[in-house]
Structures are given as C-alpha cells and as structure tokens.
PDB file of N, CA and C in Angstrom:
ATOM      1  N   MET A   1      88.047  95.921  41.596  1.00  0.00           N
ATOM      2  CA  MET A   1      86.702  95.522  41.952  1.00  0.00           C
ATOM      3  C   MET A   1      86.205  96.353  43.138  1.00  0.00           C
ATOM      4  N   LEU A   2      87.025  96.474  44.165  1.00  0.00           N
ATOM      5  CA  LEU A   2      86.635  97.247  45.341  1.00  0.00           C
ATOM      6  C   LEU A   2      86.405  98.704  44.969  1.00  0.00           C
ATOM      7  N   PHE A   3      87.266  99.261  44.130  1.00  0.00           N
ATOM      8  CA  PHE A   3      87.110 100.647  43.675  1.00  0.00           C
ATOM      9  C   PHE A   3      85.784 100.831  42.940  1.00  0.00           C
ATOM     10  N   THR A   4      85.430  99.886  42.082  1.00  0.00           N
ATOM     11  CA  THR A   4      84.179  99.959  41.320  1.00  0.00           C
ATOM     12  C   THR A   4      82.981  99.942  42.265  1.00  0.00           C
ATOM     13  N   LEU A   5      83.002  99.099  43.269  1.00  0.00           N
ATOM     14  CA  LEU A   5      81.919  99.004  44.244  1.00  0.00           C
ATOM     15  C   LEU A   5      81.781 100.317  45.024  1.00  0.00           C
ATOM     16  N   ILE A   6      82.877 100.859  45.502  1.00  0.00           N
ATOM     17  CA  ILE A   6      82.855 102.122  46.248  1.00  0.00           C
ATOM     18  C   ILE A   6      82.391 103.261  45.342  1.00  0.00           C
ATOM     19  N   SER A   7      82.880 103.281  44.114  1.00  0.00           N
ATOM     20  CA  SER A   7      82.512 104.326  43.169  1.00  0.00           C
ATOM     21  C   SER A   7      81.016 104.295  42.858  1.00  0.00           C
ATOM     22  N   SER A   8      80.448 103.105  42.657  1.00  0.00           N
ATOM     23  CA  SER A   8      79.018 103.009  42.334  1.00  0.00           C
ATOM     24  C   SER A   8      78.162 103.400  43.540  1.00  0.00           C
ATOM     25  N   LYS A   9      78.592 103.061  44.746  1.00  0.00           N
ATOM     26  CA  LYS A   9      77.843 103.460  45.946  1.00  0.00           C
ATOM     27  C   LYS A   9      77.914 104.973  46.154  1.00  0.00           C
ATOM     28  N   LEU A  10      79.056 105.561  45.863  1.00  0.00           N
ATOM     29  CA  LEU A  10      79.205 107.009  45.973  1.00  0.00           C
ATOM     30  C   LEU A  10      78.308 107.707  44.963  1.00  0.00           C
ATOM     31  N   ASP A  11      78.264 107.212  43.738  1.00  0.00           N
ATOM     32  CA  ASP A  11      77.387 107.791  42.710  1.00  0.00           C
ATOM     33  C   ASP A  11      75.928 107.723  43.135  1.00  0.00           C
ATOM     34  N   LEU A  12      75.500 106.587  43.688  1.00  0.00           N
ATOM     35  CA  LEU A  12      74.118 106.429  44.148  1.00  0.00           C
ATOM     36  C   LEU A  12      73.815 107.404  45.275  1.00  0.00           C
ATOM     37  N   PHE A  13      74.736 107.542  46.218  1.00  0.00           N
ATOM     38  CA  PHE A  13      74.556 108.484  47.321  1.00  0.00           C
ATOM     39  C   PHE A  13      74.410 109.913  46.804  1.00  0.00           C
ATOM     40  N   LEU A  14      75.272 110.304  45.863  1.00  0.00           N
ATOM     41  CA  LEU A  14      75.220 111.664  45.326  1.00  0.00           C
ATOM     42  C   LEU A  14      73.919 111.911  44.579  1.00  0.00           C
ATOM     43  N   GLN A  15      73.431 110.938  43.844  1.00  0.00           N
ATOM     44  CA  GLN A  15      72.164 111.088  43.126  1.00  0.00           C
ATOM     45  C   GLN A  15      71.016 111.275  44.110  1.00  0.00           C
ATOM     46  N   GLN A  16      70.992 110.488  45.178  1.00  0.00           N
ATOM     47  CA  GLN A  16      69.915 110.572  46.160  1.00  0.00           C
ATOM     48  C   GLN A  16      69.979 111.876  46.933  1.00  0.00           C
ATOM     49  N   SER A  17      71.164 112.358  47.249  1.00  0.00           N
ATOM     50  CA  SER A  17      71.295 113.572  48.053  1.00  0.00           C
ATOM     51  C   SER A  17      70.945 114.818  47.250  1.00  0.00           C
ATOM     52  N   GLN A  18      70.962 114.727  45.918  1.00  0.00           N
ATOM     53  CA  GLN A  18      70.643 115.882  45.095  1.00  0.00           C
ATOM     54  C   GLN A  18      69.157 115.974  44.782  1.00  0.00           C
ATOM     55  N   LYS A  19      68.378 114.930  45.069  1.00  0.00           N
ATOM     56  CA  LYS A  19      66.950 114.962  44.835  1.00  0.00           C
ATOM     57  C   LYS A  19      66.292 115.841  45.897  1.00  0.00           C
ATOM     58  N   PRO A  20      65.305 116.651  45.511  1.00  0.00           N
ATOM     59  CA  PRO A  20      64.618 117.458  46.519  1.00  0.00           C
ATOM     60  C   PRO A  20      63.822 116.555  47.460  1.00  0.00           C
ATOM     61  N   MET A  21      63.738 116.981  48.712  1.00  0.00           N
ATOM     62  CA  MET A  21      62.964 116.225  49.687  1.00  0.00           C
ATOM     63  C   MET A  21      61.496 116.239  49.286  1.00  0.00           C
ATOM     64  N   THR A  22      60.826 115.125  49.482  1.00  0.00           N
ATOM     65  CA  THR A  22      59.404 115.036  49.196  1.00  0.00           C
ATOM     66  C   THR A  22      58.629 115.824  50.240  1.00  0.00           C
ATOM     67  N   TYR A  23      57.674 116.613  49.768  1.00  0.00           N
ATOM     68  CA  TYR A  23      56.856 117.423  50.664  1.00  0.00           C
ATOM     69  C   TYR A  23      56.007 116.523  51.557  1.00  0.00           C
ATOM     70  N   GLN A  24      55.991 116.841  52.847  1.00  0.00           N
ATOM     71  CA  GLN A  24      55.161 116.141  53.809  1.00  0.00           C
ATOM     72  C   GLN A  24      54.039 117.079  54.238  1.00  0.00           C
ATOM     73  N   PRO A  25      52.772 116.767  53.901  1.00  0.00           N
ATOM     74  CA  PRO A  25      51.670 117.665  54.265  1.00  0.00           C
ATOM     75  C   PRO A  25      51.645 117.946  55.768  1.00  0.00           C
ATOM     76  N   ILE A  26      51.246 119.163  56.117  1.00  0.00           N
ATOM     77  CA  ILE A  26      51.177 119.545  57.530  1.00  0.00           C
ATOM     78  C   ILE A  26      49.748 119.341  58.037  1.00  0.00           C
ATOM     79  N   ALA A  27      49.574 119.392  59.328  1.00  0.00           N
ATOM     80  CA  ALA A  27      48.257 119.223  59.946  1.00  0.00           C
ATOM     81  C   ALA A  27      47.322 120.359  59.532  1.00  0.00           C
ATOM     82  N   CYS A  28      46.044 120.036  59.375  1.00  0.00           N
ATOM     83  CA  CYS A  28      45.048 121.036  58.957  1.00  0.00           C
ATOM     84  C   CYS A  28      44.991 122.214  59.928  1.00  0.00           C
ATOM     85  N   GLY A  29      45.095 121.940  61.221  1.00  0.00           N
ATOM     86  CA  GLY A  29      45.059 123.004  62.223  1.00  0.00           C
ATOM     87  C   GLY A  29      46.211 123.985  62.061  1.00  0.00           C
ATOM     88  N   ASP A  30      47.391 123.456  61.718  1.00  0.00           N
ATOM     89  CA  ASP A  30      48.547 124.317  61.480  1.00  0.00           C
ATOM     90  C   ASP A  30      48.344 125.155  60.221  1.00  0.00           C
ATOM     91  N   TYR A  31      47.779 124.530  59.186  1.00  0.00           N
ATOM     92  CA  TYR A  31      47.518 125.249  57.948  1.00  0.00           C
ATOM     93  C   TYR A  31      46.538 126.397  58.196  1.00  0.00           C
ATOM     94  N   ASP A  32      45.533 126.137  59.038  1.00  0.00           N
ATOM     95  CA  ASP A  32      44.554 127.181  59.391  1.00  0.00           C
ATOM     96  C   ASP A  32      45.234 128.380  60.048  1.00  0.00           C
ATOM     97  N   LYS A  33      46.221 128.105  60.898  1.00  0.00           N
ATOM     98  CA  LYS A  33      46.970 129.202  61.545  1.00  0.00           C
ATOM     99  C   LYS A  33      47.689 130.057  60.503  1.00  0.00           C
ATOM    100  N   TYR A  34      48.326 129.397  59.535  1.00  0.00           N
ATOM    101  CA  TYR A  34      49.022 130.141  58.483  1.00  0.00           C
ATOM    102  C   TYR A  34      48.040 130.997  57.683  1.00  0.00           C
ATOM    103  N   GLU A  35      46.854 130.456  57.397  1.00  0.00           N
ATOM    104  CA  GLU A  35      45.841 131.224  56.669  1.00  0.00           C
ATOM    105  C   GLU A  35      45.440 132.473  57.446  1.00  0.00           C
ATOM    106  N   LEU A  36      45.228 132.315  58.758  1.00  0.00           N
ATOM    107  CA  LEU A  36      44.858 133.474  59.589  1.00  0.00           C
ATOM    108  C   LEU A  36      45.976 134.505  59.634  1.00  0.00           C
ATOM    109  N   TRP A  37      47.208 134.041  59.779  1.00  0.00           N
ATOM    110  CA  TRP A  37      48.337 134.977  59.805  1.00  0.00           C
ATOM    111  C   TRP A  37      48.426 135.747  58.492  1.00  0.00           C
ATOM    112  N   CYS A  38      48.147 135.077  57.382  1.00  0.00           N
ATOM    113  CA  CYS A  38      48.162 135.756  56.082  1.00  0.00           C
ATOM    114  C   CYS A  38      47.022 136.770  55.992  1.00  0.00           C
ATOM    115  N   MET A  39      45.832 136.400  56.447  1.00  0.00           N
ATOM    116  CA  MET A  39      44.688 137.310  56.413  1.00  0.00           C
ATOM    117  C   MET A  39      44.951 138.581  57.210  1.00  0.00           C
ATOM    118  N   HIS A  40      45.684 138.441  58.317  1.00  0.00           N
ATOM    119  CA  HIS A  40      45.975 139.573  59.202  1.00  0.00           C
ATOM    120  C   HIS A  40      47.322 140.225  58.906  1.00  0.00           C
ATOM    121  N   ASN A  41      48.022 139.712  57.888  1.00  0.00           N
ATOM    122  CA  ASN A  41      49.324 140.272  57.520  1.00  0.00           C
ATOM    123  C   ASN A  41      50.265 140.296  58.734  1.00  0.00           C
ATOM    124  N   SER A  42      50.228 139.215  59.497  1.00  0.00           N
ATOM    125  CA  SER A  42      50.943 139.140  60.773  1.00  0.00           C
ATOM    126  C   SER A  42      52.456 139.132  60.593  1.00  0.00           C
ATOM    127  N   LEU A  43      53.144 139.765  61.525  1.00  0.00           N
ATOM    128  CA  LEU A  43      54.600 139.744  61.580  1.00  0.00           C
ATOM    129  C   LEU A  43      55.016 138.475  62.325  1.00  0.00           C
ATOM    130  N   LEU A  44      55.839 137.650  61.668  1.00  0.00           N
ATOM    131  CA  LEU A  44      56.230 136.349  62.217  1.00  0.00           C
ATOM    132  C   LEU A  44      57.741 136.199  62.271  1.00  0.00           C
ATOM    133  N   ARG A  45      58.194 135.432  63.244  1.00  0.00           N
ATOM    134  CA  ARG A  45      59.585 134.956  63.276  1.00  0.00           C
ATOM    135  C   ARG A  45      59.512 133.450  63.082  1.00  0.00           C
ATOM    136  N   ILE A  46      60.115 132.977  62.013  1.00  0.00           N
ATOM    137  CA  ILE A  46      60.045 131.568  61.652  1.00  0.00           C
ATOM    138  C   ILE A  46      61.416 130.931  61.824  1.00  0.00           C
ATOM    139  N   THR A  47      61.432 129.781  62.492  1.00  0.00           N
ATOM    140  CA  THR A  47      62.653 128.991  62.615  1.00  0.00           C
ATOM    141  C   THR A  47      62.456 127.737  61.766  1.00  0.00           C
ATOM    142  N   LEU A  48      63.403 127.500  60.863  1.00  0.00           N
ATOM    143  CA  LEU A  48      63.342 126.332  59.997  1.00  0.00           C
ATOM    144  C   LEU A  48      64.023 125.141  60.655  1.00  0.00           C
ATOM    145  N   GLU A  49      63.766 123.959  60.119  1.00  0.00           N
ATOM    146  CA  GLU A  49      64.416 122.736  60.634  1.00  0.00           C
ATOM    147  C   GLU A  49      65.942 122.871  60.594  1.00  0.00           C
ATOM    148  N   SER A  50      66.461 123.634  59.648  1.00  0.00           N
ATOM    149  CA  SER A  50      67.910 123.828  59.506  1.00  0.00           C
ATOM    150  C   SER A  50      68.488 124.746  60.580  1.00  0.00           C
ATOM    151  N   GLY A  51      67.599 125.442  61.327  1.00  0.00           N
ATOM    152  CA  GLY A  51      68.046 126.397  62.333  1.00  0.00           C
ATOM    153  C   GLY A  51      68.016 127.834  61.841  1.00  0.00           C
ATOM    154  N   GLU A  52      67.889 128.025  60.528  1.00  0.00           N
ATOM    155  CA  GLU A  52      67.806 129.369  59.955  1.00  0.00           C
ATOM    156  C   GLU A  52      66.533 130.057  60.444  1.00  0.00           C
ATOM    157  N   GLN A  53      66.633 131.377  60.684  1.00  0.00           N
ATOM    158  CA  GLN A  53      65.477 132.155  61.116  1.00  0.00           C
ATOM    159  C   GLN A  53      65.163 133.241  60.099  1.00  0.00           C
ATOM    160  N   LEU A  54      63.856 133.448  59.892  1.00  0.00           N
ATOM    161  CA  LEU A  54      63.371 134.507  59.014  1.00  0.00           C
ATOM    162  C   LEU A  54      62.345 135.316  59.788  1.00  0.00           C
ATOM    163  N   GLU A  55      62.298 136.607  59.507  1.00  0.00           N
ATOM    164  CA  GLU A  55      61.317 137.475  60.150  1.00  0.00           C
ATOM    165  C   GLU A  55      60.664 138.321  59.066  1.00  0.00           C
ATOM    166  N   GLY A  56      59.335 138.337  59.065  1.00  0.00           N
ATOM    167  CA  GLY A  56      58.634 139.123  58.066  1.00  0.00           C
ATOM    168  C   GLY A  56      57.133 138.975  58.210  1.00  0.00           C
ATOM    169  N   LYS A  57      56.413 139.600  57.273  1.00  0.00           N
ATOM    170  CA  LYS A  57      54.955 139.583  57.302  1.00  0.00           C
ATOM    171  C   LYS A  57      54.434 138.452  56.415  1.00  0.00           C
ATOM    172  N   ALA A  58      53.466 137.720  56.959  1.00  0.00           N
ATOM    173  CA  ALA A  58      52.831 136.638  56.215  1.00  0.00           C
ATOM    174  C   ALA A  58      51.941 137.243  55.134  1.00  0.00           C
ATOM    175  N   LYS A  59      52.164 136.853  53.873  1.00  0.00           N
ATOM    176  CA  LYS A  59      51.407 137.422  52.753  1.00  0.00           C
ATOM    177  C   LYS A  59      50.359 136.467  52.207  1.00  0.00           C
ATOM    178  N   THR A  60      50.783 135.271  51.796  1.00  0.00           N
ATOM    179  CA  THR A  60      49.846 134.313  51.194  1.00  0.00           C
ATOM    180  C   THR A  60      50.452 132.921  51.236  1.00  0.00           C
ATOM    181  N   LEU A  61      49.636 131.940  50.894  1.00  0.00           N
ATOM    182  CA  LEU A  61      50.082 130.558  50.778  1.00  0.00           C
ATOM    183  C   LEU A  61      49.984 130.155  49.313  1.00  0.00           C
ATOM    184  N   LYS A  62      51.015 129.447  48.828  1.00  0.00           N
ATOM    185  CA  LYS A  62      51.035 129.035  47.422  1.00  0.00           C
ATOM    186  C   LYS A  62      51.629 127.637  47.290  1.00  0.00           C
ATOM    187  N   ILE A  63      51.197 126.951  46.235  1.00  0.00           N
ATOM    188  CA  ILE A  63      51.854 125.708  45.841  1.00  0.00           C
ATOM    189  C   ILE A  63      52.798 126.081  44.704  1.00  0.00           C
ATOM    190  N   LEU A  64      54.083 125.834  44.897  1.00  0.00           N
ATOM    191  CA  LEU A  64      55.095 126.237  43.915  1.00  0.00           C
ATOM    192  C   LEU A  64      55.716 125.020  43.245  1.00  0.00           C
ATOM    193  N   ASN A  65      55.639 124.970  41.927  1.00  0.00           N
ATOM    194  CA  ASN A  65      56.309 123.940  41.119  1.00  0.00           C
ATOM    195  C   ASN A  65      56.062 122.523  41.626  1.00  0.00           C
ATOM    196  N   SER A  66      54.871 122.252  42.073  1.00  0.00           N
ATOM    197  CA  SER A  66      54.522 120.928  42.621  1.00  0.00           C
ATOM    198  C   SER A  66      55.471 120.534  43.746  1.00  0.00           C
ATOM    199  N   GLY A  67      56.094 121.531  44.360  1.00  0.00           N
ATOM    200  CA  GLY A  67      57.058 121.273  45.431  1.00  0.00           C
ATOM    201  C   GLY A  67      56.458 121.441  46.808  1.00  0.00           C
ATOM    202  N   GLY A  68      55.148 121.435  46.894  1.00  0.00           N
ATOM    203  CA  GLY A  68      54.493 121.557  48.179  1.00  0.00           C
ATOM    204  C   GLY A  68      54.005 122.961  48.456  1.00  0.00           C
ATOM    205  N   GLU A  69      53.401 123.104  49.612  1.00  0.00           N
ATOM    206  CA  GLU A  69      52.804 124.379  50.013  1.00  0.00           C
ATOM    207  C   GLU A  69      53.854 125.274  50.653  1.00  0.00           C
ATOM    208  N   HIS A  70      53.788 126.551  50.299  1.00  0.00           N
ATOM    209  CA  HIS A  70      54.757 127.537  50.783  1.00  0.00           C
ATOM    210  C   HIS A  70      54.047 128.743  51.375  1.00  0.00           C
ATOM    211  N   LEU A  71      54.632 129.292  52.411  1.00  0.00           N
ATOM    212  CA  LEU A  71      54.220 130.573  52.964  1.00  0.00           C
ATOM    213  C   LEU A  71      55.065 131.640  52.287  1.00  0.00           C
ATOM    214  N   ILE A  72      54.400 132.646  51.732  1.00  0.00           N
ATOM    215  CA  ILE A  72      55.121 133.772  51.151  1.00  0.00           C
ATOM    216  C   ILE A  72      55.285 134.802  52.257  1.00  0.00           C
ATOM    217  N   LEU A  73      56.531 135.073  52.596  1.00  0.00           N
ATOM    218  CA  LEU A  73      56.879 135.945  53.710  1.00  0.00           C
ATOM    219  C   LEU A  73      57.596 137.176  53.169  1.00  0.00           C
ATOM    220  N   ALA A  74      57.068 138.370  53.465  1.00  0.00           N
ATOM    221  CA  ALA A  74      57.697 139.625  53.035  1.00  0.00           C
ATOM    222  C   ALA A  74      58.677 140.064  54.117  1.00  0.00           C
ATOM    223  N   THR A  75      59.977 140.031  53.781  1.00  0.00           N
ATOM    224  CA  THR A  75      61.018 140.419  54.726  1.00  0.00           C
ATOM    225  C   THR A  75      61.661 141.722  54.251  1.00  0.00           C
ATOM    226  N   LYS A  76      62.603 142.211  55.038  1.00  0.00           N
ATOM    227  CA  LYS A  76      63.329 143.429  54.649  1.00  0.00           C
ATOM    228  C   LYS A  76      64.139 143.212  53.373  1.00  0.00           C
ATOM    229  N   LYS A  77      64.500 141.965  53.093  1.00  0.00           N
ATOM    230  CA  LYS A  77      65.303 141.650  51.913  1.00  0.00           C
ATOM    231  C   LYS A  77      64.455 141.225  50.716  1.00  0.00           C
ATOM    232  N   GLY A  78      63.145 141.271  50.848  1.00  0.00           N
ATOM    233  CA  GLY A  78      62.264 140.849  49.758  1.00  0.00           C
ATOM    234  C   GLY A  78      61.380 139.691  50.180  1.00  0.00           C
ATOM    235  N   GLU A  79      60.666 139.132  49.214  1.00  0.00           N
ATOM    236  CA  GLU A  79      59.760 138.026  49.514  1.00  0.00           C
ATOM    237  C   GLU A  79      60.508 136.697  49.504  1.00  0.00           C
ATOM    238  N   HIS A  80      60.118 135.843  50.447  1.00  0.00           N
ATOM    239  CA  HIS A  80      60.693 134.506  50.546  1.00  0.00           C
ATOM    240  C   HIS A  80      59.557 133.498  50.546  1.00  0.00           C
ATOM    241  N   ALA A  81      59.734 132.418  49.809  1.00  0.00           N
ATOM    242  CA  ALA A  81      58.801 131.300  49.826  1.00  0.00           C
ATOM    243  C   ALA A  81      59.363 130.263  50.790  1.00  0.00           C
ATOM    244  N   VAL A  82      58.621 129.980  51.849  1.00  0.00           N
ATOM    245  CA  VAL A  82      59.079 129.062  52.884  1.00  0.00           C
ATOM    246  C   VAL A  82      58.205 127.820  52.844  1.00  0.00           C
ATOM    247  N   ARG A  83      58.813 126.667  52.572  1.00  0.00           N
ATOM    248  CA  ARG A  83      58.044 125.430  52.501  1.00  0.00           C
ATOM    249  C   ARG A  83      57.512 125.084  53.894  1.00  0.00           C
ATOM    250  N   LEU A  84      56.197 124.855  53.974  1.00  0.00           N
ATOM    251  CA  LEU A  84      55.542 124.686  55.273  1.00  0.00           C
ATOM    252  C   LEU A  84      56.081 123.507  56.079  1.00  0.00           C
ATOM    253  N   ASP A  85      56.418 122.418  55.420  1.00  0.00           N
ATOM    254  CA  ASP A  85      56.885 121.247  56.170  1.00  0.00           C
ATOM    255  C   ASP A  85      58.317 121.374  56.667  1.00  0.00           C
ATOM    256  N   LEU A  86      58.997 122.470  56.305  1.00  0.00           N
ATOM    257  CA  LEU A  86      60.361 122.698  56.798  1.00  0.00           C
ATOM    258  C   LEU A  86      60.392 123.688  57.962  1.00  0.00           C
ATOM    259  N   ILE A  87      59.214 124.153  58.372  1.00  0.00           N
ATOM    260  CA  ILE A  87      59.119 125.108  59.480  1.00  0.00           C
ATOM    261  C   ILE A  87      59.072 124.328  60.800  1.00  0.00           C
ATOM    262  N   LYS A  88      59.974 124.718  61.697  1.00  0.00           N
ATOM    263  CA  LYS A  88      60.056 124.061  63.007  1.00  0.00           C
ATOM    264  C   LYS A  88      59.238 124.825  64.055  1.00  0.00           C
ATOM    265  N   LYS A  89      59.298 126.171  63.990  1.00  0.00           N
ATOM    266  CA  LYS A  89      58.664 126.991  65.020  1.00  0.00           C
ATOM    267  C   LYS A  89      58.247 128.326  64.419  1.00  0.00           C
ATOM    268  N   VAL A  90      57.093 128.833  64.872  1.00  0.00           N
ATOM    269  CA  VAL A  90      56.618 130.159  64.450  1.00  0.00           C
ATOM    270  C   VAL A  90      56.226 130.944  65.685  1.00  0.00           C
ATOM    271  N   VAL A  91      56.711 132.195  65.747  1.00  0.00           N
ATOM    272  CA  VAL A  91      56.330 133.098  66.831  1.00  0.00           C
ATOM    273  C   VAL A  91      55.706 134.328  66.188  1.00  0.00           C
ATOM    274  N   GLU A  92      54.489 134.664  66.628  1.00  0.00           N
ATOM    275  CA  GLU A  92      53.861 135.882  66.139  1.00  0.00           C
ATOM    276  C   GLU A  92      54.394 137.051  66.945  1.00  0.00           C
ATOM    277  N   LEU A  93      54.883 138.076  66.269  1.00  0.00           N
ATOM    278  CA  LEU A  93      55.492 139.221  66.940  1.00  0.00           C
ATOM    279  C   LEU A  93      54.501 140.361  67.090  1.00  0.00           C
TER     280      LEU A  93
END
C-alpha cells in the first residue's frame, strides 16, 4: 500500500515537471524596449532566470507554437528564440 502511494505521487510529480511552464506576459514597457532593440538591431547580453547568458543582435519578436512571445537573437552560433518571460536581465552593448 505504501509503495503504491509513493509510486502514484512520483508519477504525478514527473507528469507535472515535464509540462512546459505557462507563459507569463511581460509588462508593455518592457515589450516596447524589445521592439526598439529589434528595430535598431541592437547587440544585447541577456541573462535568463536559469543563469544562462546569451549575447547577440536582436532581430525580431515572434509568438512560437502558442508558447508565448520570443525574442529572436542572432548569435555567433546561430539564431536563438528566447522566451521573454524567462529573461532576468538585459544589457545593451
């Protein structure tokens, strides 16, 4: 009985942890900044909530697969789609 209870809770946890996080819309003022950076093809250093950093030129904003709004960033390794609500900090270089 105890094994069944632990097993079912583990299954529920694994199912929930594999679901993509729901997109949280960002403030309009922040979105405006991203639009301007894209218009000017600005070079940005982006720090994500995970601590990962990306550096590249802001290209455009897109909604991808109903997964929220993304900044398309052209880096030395190619283009990256960065979900706006996962960005912690942006520095214009």
